Amino acid sequence: MKKILLAGYYGFGNLGDEAILEMTLKQILEITDRKNIVVLSGNKEITSKKYNIDTIDRYNVLSIIHKLRNADALVFGGGSLLQDITSKRSIYYYLFLIRLAKLMSNKIIMLSQGIGPLINKNSKNAVKNTLKLVDYITVRDKHSMELLEEMGLDRNKVFLSIDPVINLRAGENFVNKTGGRKKVCFSLRNWKNTDVSNKISKIAKKLIENNIDCYFIPFYYNEDLELIDQVENHLGEKAVYYKERLTTNEAFDIIKSMDVLVGVRLHSLIFAASANVPFVAVSYDHKVDHFVNSVNMKVSSSIDNIDENLLYDEIIEKIKNEDIEKKNLYDNVSKLRELIKVNYQILKEI
């Protein structure tokens, strides 16, 4: 059985990345046993306990070298690992892992990657030169594939896939709600100097005045809780605020009970799509645009230019046309789910 070291942005409490880990493990367990998988984590104890898997500290280079010596492959499980817009250090961490694995004669497979943005010329060159060492890459959107083609990567190594979280609880029967007040869930994030909490609070207040319940959920607990507190200062007890650390299943259960999700966080939108809940997207990054486009929808606005009236009207429109929205979303998500099969096919090549 193949031995695999699995890398990504795991163990930091970001629900999106934890969902990626959960779904990637499910894929890898198709080709090997749990005892042959080791996960690099920012909090190895929590990750080990949560997924019943062996882990090592992602910053412990000696442990990483030891594991790579005894592994068959280094697998990256998905996400926006190769970008320099939010961090210029993390990109070199992942590139270092690739080069280290190649020295140890490991196969290197990158699954469901979102490539870029790459702002810095040096980091772009580093990505270009290092990715030539990778055996296979699947990307989660056509834009990432185009970027890799521009870099001159071998087309026989690059395949179009999708974020594995689109398969989260796939096959579950979601029963449409009947009666009761309509419910809208918000997943927010701060971005530079945008006044997100103030603008969203005004929209939520208007919804509440029209007898629509509003809920606020943190996807990256360490960052999003502050925003939720700000919204609560505006709305008080008129809305519902989730302030505890949620598991992926808890967050999914909350979202699937909603009529509409308004999301800034990419994976809140993917959770909604997987749960067949119509969503309204506010974009802070091209990765949001790419996903929304993949289900034949358009973003409502960018995070630095939120039109409160337009966003409100779009939420109401989704509620009024809920059955049609759900049918269209279901059809488009079903097509996307076919793309994840390439990940399984490549893992079998290890």
Foldseek 3Di string as FASTA:
>chain_A
DFAEEEEDAAAQLFQLVVLLVVLLVVLLCVPDPQARYEYAHCHQVVVCVVVVHHYDHLPPVVVLLVSLLVGQAYEYREDAQLEPPVHPPSNVSVLVSLVSSVVSVHAYEYEAYDHYDHDDPVSLVSCLVSCLSHQAYEHAFPVSVVSNVVSVHDPVRYHYAHRSSLCVVAPDDQDDDDDDAAEEEEEDFDDPPFPQLVLVLVLQVVCLVVRYAYEYEYSSLVTCLVSLVSSCVSVPPSYHYDNDSDHSVRLLVVLLVHQEYEYADQVNVSSNLSSLHHYAYAYADVVNQRVCVLLVHGHQYHRRDDDSVSSSVVVVVCNVPVVVSSVSSNVSSVVNNVRNVVVSVVSNVD
